[in-house]
Amino acid sequence: LLEMHDFAKGTSSRSTKLVHGGVRYLQQGDV
């Protein structure tokens, strides 16, 4: 595996810190 910067430097360290099904996706019908 080759990463140009550091592991999780981009989007992956900047989340809402939730491991979730996604209530909003249920609202949108993406069951």
PDB file of all heavy atoms in Angstrom:
ATOM      1  N   LEU A   1       0.848  -1.198   0.000  1.00  0.00           N
ATOM      2  CA  LEU A   1       0.000   0.000   0.000  1.00  0.00           C
ATOM      3  C   LEU A   1       0.880   1.243   0.000  1.00  0.00           C
ATOM      4  O   LEU A   1       1.823   1.351   0.791  1.00  0.00           O
ATOM      5  CB  LEU A   1      -0.917   0.001   1.224  1.00  0.00           C
ATOM      6  CG  LEU A   1      -1.844   1.219   1.363  1.00  0.00           C
ATOM      7  CD1 LEU A   1      -3.204   0.807   1.916  1.00  0.00           C
ATOM      8  CD2 LEU A   1      -1.252   2.315   2.252  1.00  0.00           C
ATOM      9  N   LEU A   2       0.573   2.181  -0.885  1.00  0.00           N
ATOM     10  CA  LEU A   2       1.361   3.416  -1.011  1.00  0.00           C
ATOM     11  C   LEU A   2       0.464   4.627  -0.766  1.00  0.00           C
ATOM     12  O   LEU A   2      -0.540   4.821  -1.452  1.00  0.00           O
ATOM     13  CB  LEU A   2       1.964   3.508  -2.425  1.00  0.00           C
ATOM     14  CG  LEU A   2       2.824   2.319  -2.871  1.00  0.00           C
ATOM     15  CD1 LEU A   2       3.196   2.439  -4.340  1.00  0.00           C
ATOM     16  CD2 LEU A   2       4.085   2.196  -2.001  1.00  0.00           C
ATOM     17  N   GLU A   3       0.841   5.442   0.224  1.00  0.00           N
ATOM     18  CA  GLU A   3       0.110   6.666   0.552  1.00  0.00           C
ATOM     19  C   GLU A   3       1.033   7.856   0.342  1.00  0.00           C
ATOM     20  O   GLU A   3       2.155   7.860   0.825  1.00  0.00           O
ATOM     21  CB  GLU A   3      -0.358   6.596   2.013  1.00  0.00           C
ATOM     22  CG  GLU A   3      -0.726   7.925   2.655  1.00  0.00           C
ATOM     23  CD  GLU A   3      -1.800   8.707   1.915  1.00  0.00           C
ATOM     24  OE1 GLU A   3      -2.821   8.115   1.508  1.00  0.00           O
ATOM     25  OE2 GLU A   3      -1.606   9.926   1.730  1.00  0.00           O
ATOM     26  N   MET A   4       0.573   8.868  -0.404  1.00  0.00           N
ATOM     27  CA  MET A   4       1.474   9.980  -0.770  1.00  0.00           C
ATOM     28  C   MET A   4       1.808  10.887   0.409  1.00  0.00           C
ATOM     29  O   MET A   4       2.822  11.579   0.402  1.00  0.00           O
ATOM     30  CB  MET A   4       0.879  10.804  -1.908  1.00  0.00           C
ATOM     31  CG  MET A   4      -0.337  11.625  -1.544  1.00  0.00           C
ATOM     32  SD  MET A   4      -0.767  12.720  -2.918  1.00  0.00           S
ATOM     33  CE  MET A   4      -2.286  13.448  -2.298  1.00  0.00           C
ATOM     34  N   HIS A   5       0.946  10.938   1.418  1.00  0.00           N
ATOM     35  CA  HIS A   5       1.210  11.765   2.590  1.00  0.00           C
ATOM     36  C   HIS A   5       1.231  10.834   3.799  1.00  0.00           C
ATOM     37  O   HIS A   5       1.968   9.861   3.813  1.00  0.00           O
ATOM     38  CB  HIS A   5       0.142  12.872   2.694  1.00  0.00           C
ATOM     39  CG  HIS A   5       0.570  14.014   3.569  1.00  0.00           C
ATOM     40  ND1 HIS A   5       0.474  13.954   4.937  1.00  0.00           N
ATOM     41  CD2 HIS A   5       1.101  15.230   3.273  1.00  0.00           C
ATOM     42  CE1 HIS A   5       0.930  15.091   5.461  1.00  0.00           C
ATOM     43  NE2 HIS A   5       1.313  15.887   4.478  1.00  0.00           N
ATOM     44  N   ASP A   6       0.409  11.114   4.803  1.00  0.00           N
ATOM     45  CA  ASP A   6       0.333  10.228   5.960  1.00  0.00           C
ATOM     46  C   ASP A   6      -0.987   9.471   5.912  1.00  0.00           C
ATOM     47  O   ASP A   6      -1.953   9.925   5.295  1.00  0.00           O
ATOM     48  CB  ASP A   6       0.414  11.061   7.253  1.00  0.00           C
ATOM     49  CG  ASP A   6       0.474  10.202   8.504  1.00  0.00           C
ATOM     50  OD1 ASP A   6       1.009   9.078   8.421  1.00  0.00           O
ATOM     51  OD2 ASP A   6      -0.011  10.643   9.562  1.00  0.00           O
ATOM     52  N   PHE A   7      -1.047   8.326   6.576  1.00  0.00           N
ATOM     53  CA  PHE A   7      -2.281   7.554   6.635  1.00  0.00           C
ATOM     54  C   PHE A   7      -3.419   8.441   7.155  1.00  0.00           C
ATOM     55  O   PHE A   7      -3.263   9.143   8.158  1.00  0.00           O
ATOM     56  CB  PHE A   7      -2.126   6.333   7.559  1.00  0.00           C
ATOM     57  CG  PHE A   7      -0.982   5.434   7.171  1.00  0.00           C
ATOM     58  CD1 PHE A   7       0.071   5.195   8.044  1.00  0.00           C
ATOM     59  CD2 PHE A   7      -0.949   4.831   5.910  1.00  0.00           C
ATOM     60  CE1 PHE A   7       1.140   4.374   7.683  1.00  0.00           C
ATOM     61  CE2 PHE A   7       0.107   4.003   5.538  1.00  0.00           C
ATOM     62  CZ  PHE A   7       1.157   3.776   6.425  1.00  0.00           C
ATOM     63  N   ALA A   8      -4.554   8.422   6.459  1.00  0.00           N
ATOM     64  CA  ALA A   8      -5.760   9.176   6.853  1.00  0.00           C
ATOM     65  C   ALA A   8      -5.544  10.688   6.889  1.00  0.00           C
ATOM     66  O   ALA A   8      -6.273  11.405   7.555  1.00  0.00           O
ATOM     67  CB  ALA A   8      -6.288   8.685   8.212  1.00  0.00           C
ATOM     68  N   LYS A   9      -4.551  11.181   6.149  1.00  0.00           N
ATOM     69  CA  LYS A   9      -4.302  12.627   6.110  1.00  0.00           C
ATOM     70  C   LYS A   9      -5.509  13.374   5.538  1.00  0.00           C
ATOM     71  O   LYS A   9      -5.840  14.477   5.971  1.00  0.00           O
ATOM     72  CB  LYS A   9      -3.063  12.910   5.251  1.00  0.00           C
ATOM     73  CG  LYS A   9      -2.928  14.346   4.728  1.00  0.00           C
ATOM     74  CD  LYS A   9      -2.588  15.337   5.811  1.00  0.00           C
ATOM     75  CE  LYS A   9      -2.398  16.734   5.208  1.00  0.00           C
ATOM     76  NZ  LYS A   9      -2.121  17.749   6.216  1.00  0.00           N
ATOM     77  N   GLY A  10      -6.186  12.775   4.563  1.00  0.00           N
ATOM     78  CA  GLY A  10      -7.292  13.467   3.902  1.00  0.00           C
ATOM     79  C   GLY A  10      -8.604  13.315   4.657  1.00  0.00           C
ATOM     80  O   GLY A  10      -8.684  13.517   5.871  1.00  0.00           O
ATOM     81  N   THR A  11      -9.626  12.917   3.938  1.00  0.00           N
ATOM     82  CA  THR A  11     -10.991  12.848   4.464  1.00  0.00           C
ATOM     83  C   THR A  11     -11.110  11.944   5.694  1.00  0.00           C
ATOM     84  O   THR A  11     -11.887  12.220   6.605  1.00  0.00           O
ATOM     85  CB  THR A  11     -11.926  12.302   3.350  1.00  0.00           C
ATOM     86  OG1 THR A  11     -11.671  13.041   2.154  1.00  0.00           O
ATOM     87  CG2 THR A  11     -13.376  12.426   3.725  1.00  0.00           C
ATOM     88  N   SER A  12     -10.329  10.879   5.746  1.00  0.00           N
ATOM     89  CA  SER A  12     -10.546   9.822   6.746  1.00  0.00           C
ATOM     90  C   SER A  12     -10.238  10.226   8.181  1.00  0.00           C
ATOM     91  O   SER A  12     -10.599   9.502   9.111  1.00  0.00           O
ATOM     92  CB  SER A  12      -9.743   8.573   6.378  1.00  0.00           C
ATOM     93  OG  SER A  12     -10.159   8.096   5.119  1.00  0.00           O
ATOM     94  N   SER A  13      -9.566  11.362   8.399  1.00  0.00           N
ATOM     95  CA  SER A  13      -9.331  11.817   9.781  1.00  0.00           C
ATOM     96  C   SER A  13     -10.245  12.988  10.136  1.00  0.00           C
ATOM     97  O   SER A  13     -10.126  13.569  11.205  1.00  0.00           O
ATOM     98  CB  SER A  13      -7.865  12.237   9.969  1.00  0.00           C
ATOM     99  OG  SER A  13      -7.536  13.262   9.048  1.00  0.00           O
ATOM    100  N   ARG A  14     -11.179  13.322   9.225  1.00  0.00           N
ATOM    101  CA  ARG A  14     -11.971  14.545   9.402  1.00  0.00           C
ATOM    102  C   ARG A  14     -13.470  14.263   9.448  1.00  0.00           C
ATOM    103  O   ARG A  14     -14.285  15.092   9.071  1.00  0.00           O
ATOM    104  CB  ARG A  14     -11.663  15.510   8.251  1.00  0.00           C
ATOM    105  CG  ARG A  14     -10.172  15.855   8.146  1.00  0.00           C
ATOM    106  CD  ARG A  14      -9.807  16.338   6.754  1.00  0.00           C
ATOM    107  NE  ARG A  14      -8.375  16.446   6.569  1.00  0.00           N
ATOM    108  CZ  ARG A  14      -7.672  17.549   6.774  1.00  0.00           C
ATOM    109  NH1 ARG A  14      -8.275  18.643   7.159  1.00  0.00           N
ATOM    110  NH2 ARG A  14      -6.374  17.560   6.588  1.00  0.00           N
ATOM    111  N   SER A  15     -13.834  13.053   9.870  1.00  0.00           N
ATOM    112  CA  SER A  15     -15.247  12.639   9.876  1.00  0.00           C
ATOM    113  C   SER A  15     -15.970  13.162  11.119  1.00  0.00           C
ATOM    114  O   SER A  15     -15.358  13.797  11.983  1.00  0.00           O
ATOM    115  CB  SER A  15     -15.321  11.107   9.849  1.00  0.00           C
ATOM    116  OG  SER A  15     -14.936  10.587  11.114  1.00  0.00           O
ATOM    117  N   THR A  16     -17.256  12.841  11.219  1.00  0.00           N
ATOM    118  CA  THR A  16     -18.047  13.208  12.408  1.00  0.00           C
ATOM    119  C   THR A  16     -17.796  12.197  13.534  1.00  0.00           C
ATOM    120  O   THR A  16     -18.401  12.285  14.594  1.00  0.00           O
ATOM    121  CB  THR A  16     -19.553  13.267  12.045  1.00  0.00           C
ATOM    122  OG1 THR A  16     -19.705  14.001  10.829  1.00  0.00           O
ATOM    123  CG2 THR A  16     -20.376  13.966  13.102  1.00  0.00           C
ATOM    124  N   LYS A  17     -16.912  11.248  13.317  1.00  0.00           N
ATOM    125  CA  LYS A  17     -16.508  10.229  14.306  1.00  0.00           C
ATOM    126  C   LYS A  17     -17.644   9.262  14.646  1.00  0.00           C
ATOM    127  O   LYS A  17     -17.704   8.731  15.755  1.00  0.00           O
ATOM    128  CB  LYS A  17     -15.969  10.864  15.614  1.00  0.00           C
ATOM    129  CG  LYS A  17     -15.141  12.129  15.453  1.00  0.00           C
ATOM    130  CD  LYS A  17     -13.935  11.967  14.557  1.00  0.00           C
ATOM    131  CE  LYS A  17     -13.169  13.273  14.389  1.00  0.00           C
ATOM    132  NZ  LYS A  17     -12.311  13.280  13.197  1.00  0.00           N
ATOM    133  N   LEU A  18     -18.526   9.034  13.675  1.00  0.00           N
ATOM    134  CA  LEU A  18     -19.652   8.124  13.906  1.00  0.00           C
ATOM    135  C   LEU A  18     -19.533   6.873  13.036  1.00  0.00           C
ATOM    136  O   LEU A  18     -19.170   6.958  11.873  1.00  0.00           O
ATOM    137  CB  LEU A  18     -20.979   8.817  13.597  1.00  0.00           C
ATOM    138  CG  LEU A  18     -21.296  10.073  14.413  1.00  0.00           C
ATOM    139  CD1 LEU A  18     -22.645  10.639  13.996  1.00  0.00           C
ATOM    140  CD2 LEU A  18     -21.268   9.780  15.909  1.00  0.00           C
ATOM    141  N   VAL A  19     -19.837   5.728  13.648  1.00  0.00           N
ATOM    142  CA  VAL A  19     -19.969   4.474  12.911  1.00  0.00           C
ATOM    143  C   VAL A  19     -21.465   4.214  12.896  1.00  0.00           C
ATOM    144  O   VAL A  19     -22.034   3.774  13.893  1.00  0.00           O
ATOM    145  CB  VAL A  19     -19.224   3.328  13.629  1.00  0.00           C
ATOM    146  CG1 VAL A  19     -19.422   2.014  12.889  1.00  0.00           C
ATOM    147  CG2 VAL A  19     -17.741   3.652  13.724  1.00  0.00           C
ATOM    148  N   HIS A  20     -22.117   4.573  11.799  1.00  0.00           N
ATOM    149  CA  HIS A  20     -23.581   4.594  11.852  1.00  0.00           C
ATOM    150  C   HIS A  20     -24.233   4.138  10.552  1.00  0.00           C
ATOM    151  O   HIS A  20     -23.634   4.179   9.490  1.00  0.00           O
ATOM    152  CB  HIS A  20     -24.074   6.006  12.225  1.00  0.00           C
ATOM    153  CG  HIS A  20     -23.689   7.088  11.260  1.00  0.00           C
ATOM    154  ND1 HIS A  20     -24.524   8.144  10.963  1.00  0.00           N
ATOM    155  CD2 HIS A  20     -22.569   7.294  10.530  1.00  0.00           C
ATOM    156  CE1 HIS A  20     -23.924   8.946  10.090  1.00  0.00           C
ATOM    157  NE2 HIS A  20     -22.753   8.449   9.818  1.00  0.00           N
ATOM    158  N   GLY A  21     -25.460   3.703  10.700  1.00  0.00           N
ATOM    159  CA  GLY A  21     -26.235   3.275   9.531  1.00  0.00           C
ATOM    160  C   GLY A  21     -26.598   4.450   8.660  1.00  0.00           C
ATOM    161  O   GLY A  21     -26.666   4.329   7.436  1.00  0.00           O
ATOM    162  N   GLY A  22     -26.822   5.593   9.302  1.00  0.00           N
ATOM    163  CA  GLY A  22     -27.179   6.795   8.557  1.00  0.00           C
ATOM    164  C   GLY A  22     -28.681   7.026   8.562  1.00  0.00           C
ATOM    165  O   GLY A  22     -29.397   6.568   7.680  1.00  0.00           O
ATOM    166  N   VAL A  23     -29.146   7.723   9.605  1.00  0.00           N
ATOM    167  CA  VAL A  23     -30.579   8.002   9.728  1.00  0.00           C
ATOM    168  C   VAL A  23     -31.076   8.778   8.514  1.00  0.00           C
ATOM    169  O   VAL A  23     -32.170   8.561   8.016  1.00  0.00           O
ATOM    170  CB  VAL A  23     -30.845   8.784  11.034  1.00  0.00           C
ATOM    171  CG1 VAL A  23     -32.291   9.273  11.086  1.00  0.00           C
ATOM    172  CG2 VAL A  23     -30.535   7.910  12.244  1.00  0.00           C
ATOM    173  N   ARG A  24     -30.230   9.681   8.000  1.00  0.00           N
ATOM    174  CA  ARG A  24     -30.643  10.505   6.853  1.00  0.00           C
ATOM    175  C   ARG A  24     -30.889   9.656   5.604  1.00  0.00           C
ATOM    176  O   ARG A  24     -31.758   9.935   4.795  1.00  0.00           O
ATOM    177  CB  ARG A  24     -29.568  11.553   6.558  1.00  0.00           C
ATOM    178  CG  ARG A  24     -29.929  12.491   5.422  1.00  0.00           C
ATOM    179  CD  ARG A  24     -29.061  13.714   5.486  1.00  0.00           C
ATOM    180  NE  ARG A  24     -27.663  13.363   5.341  1.00  0.00           N
ATOM    181  CZ  ARG A  24     -27.043  13.259   4.193  1.00  0.00           C
ATOM    182  NH1 ARG A  24     -27.709  13.424   3.069  1.00  0.00           N
ATOM    183  NH2 ARG A  24     -25.759  12.979   4.134  1.00  0.00           N
ATOM    184  N   TYR A  25     -30.079   8.590   5.445  1.00  0.00           N
ATOM    185  CA  TYR A  25     -30.249   7.743   4.261  1.00  0.00           C
ATOM    186  C   TYR A  25     -31.570   6.974   4.349  1.00  0.00           C
ATOM    187  O   TYR A  25     -32.190   6.671   3.346  1.00  0.00           O
ATOM    188  CB  TYR A  25     -29.071   6.775   4.103  1.00  0.00           C
ATOM    189  CG  TYR A  25     -27.724   7.452   4.281  1.00  0.00           C
ATOM    190  CD1 TYR A  25     -26.715   6.883   5.052  1.00  0.00           C
ATOM    191  CD2 TYR A  25     -27.481   8.695   3.696  1.00  0.00           C
ATOM    192  CE1 TYR A  25     -25.507   7.523   5.233  1.00  0.00           C
ATOM    193  CE2 TYR A  25     -26.266   9.342   3.883  1.00  0.00           C
ATOM    194  CZ  TYR A  25     -25.285   8.751   4.653  1.00  0.00           C
ATOM    195  OH  TYR A  25     -24.093   9.390   4.834  1.00  0.00           O
ATOM    196  N   LEU A  26     -31.987   6.692   5.601  1.00  0.00           N
ATOM    197  CA  LEU A  26     -33.288   6.050   5.807  1.00  0.00           C
ATOM    198  C   LEU A  26     -34.388   7.023   5.373  1.00  0.00           C
ATOM    199  O   LEU A  26     -35.338   6.644   4.692  1.00  0.00           O
ATOM    200  CB  LEU A  26     -33.445   5.676   7.284  1.00  0.00           C
ATOM    201  CG  LEU A  26     -34.646   4.806   7.668  1.00  0.00           C
ATOM    202  CD1 LEU A  26     -34.601   3.478   6.930  1.00  0.00           C
ATOM    203  CD2 LEU A  26     -34.662   4.565   9.179  1.00  0.00           C
ATOM    204  N   GLN A  27     -34.208   8.289   5.774  1.00  0.00           N
ATOM    205  CA  GLN A  27     -35.137   9.361   5.386  1.00  0.00           C
ATOM    206  C   GLN A  27     -35.256   9.452   3.865  1.00  0.00           C
ATOM    207  O   GLN A  27     -36.322   9.691   3.320  1.00  0.00           O
ATOM    208  CB  GLN A  27     -34.573  10.686   5.908  1.00  0.00           C
ATOM    209  CG  GLN A  27     -35.513  11.506   6.749  1.00  0.00           C
ATOM    210  CD  GLN A  27     -34.788  12.760   7.249  1.00  0.00           C
ATOM    211  OE1 GLN A  27     -33.589  12.767   7.471  1.00  0.00           O
ATOM    212  NE2 GLN A  27     -35.541  13.815   7.420  1.00  0.00           N
ATOM    213  N   GLN A  28     -34.092   9.271   3.177  1.00  0.00           N
ATOM    214  CA  GLN A  28     -34.068   9.395   1.709  1.00  0.00           C
ATOM    215  C   GLN A  28     -34.538   8.112   1.016  1.00  0.00           C
ATOM    216  O   GLN A  28     -34.613   8.061  -0.206  1.00  0.00           O
ATOM    217  CB  GLN A  28     -32.643   9.730   1.236  1.00  0.00           C
ATOM    218  CG  GLN A  28     -32.187  11.124   1.646  1.00  0.00           C
ATOM    219  CD  GLN A  28     -30.703  11.357   1.336  1.00  0.00           C
ATOM    220  OE1 GLN A  28     -29.951  10.411   1.088  1.00  0.00           O
ATOM    221  NE2 GLN A  28     -30.284  12.605   1.363  1.00  0.00           N
ATOM    222  N   GLY A  29     -34.805   7.076   1.808  1.00  0.00           N
ATOM    223  CA  GLY A  29     -35.306   5.829   1.226  1.00  0.00           C
ATOM    224  C   GLY A  29     -34.223   4.885   0.741  1.00  0.00           C
ATOM    225  O   GLY A  29     -34.500   3.913   0.055  1.00  0.00           O
ATOM    226  N   ASP A  30     -32.937   5.160   1.118  1.00  0.00           N
ATOM    227  CA  ASP A  30     -31.826   4.304   0.684  1.00  0.00           C
ATOM    228  C   ASP A  30     -31.663   3.149   1.686  1.00  0.00           C
ATOM    229  O   ASP A  30     -30.667   3.049   2.396  1.00  0.00           O
ATOM    230  CB  ASP A  30     -30.542   5.135   0.576  1.00  0.00           C
ATOM    231  CG  ASP A  30     -29.472   4.464  -0.287  1.00  0.00           C
ATOM    232  OD1 ASP A  30     -29.612   3.247  -0.546  1.00  0.00           O
ATOM    233  OD2 ASP A  30     -28.522   5.139  -0.694  1.00  0.00           O
ATOM    234  N   VAL A  31     -32.670   2.287   1.734  1.00  0.00           N
ATOM    235  CA  VAL A  31     -32.734   1.250   2.772  1.00  0.00           C
ATOM    236  C   VAL A  31     -31.584   0.245   2.654  1.00  0.00           C
ATOM    237  O   VAL A  31     -31.017  -0.186   3.660  1.00  0.00           O
ATOM    238  CB  VAL A  31     -34.103   0.523   2.727  1.00  0.00           C
ATOM    239  CG1 VAL A  31     -34.149  -0.624   3.726  1.00  0.00           C
ATOM    240  CG2 VAL A  31     -35.216   1.516   3.034  1.00  0.00           C
TER     241      VAL A  31
END
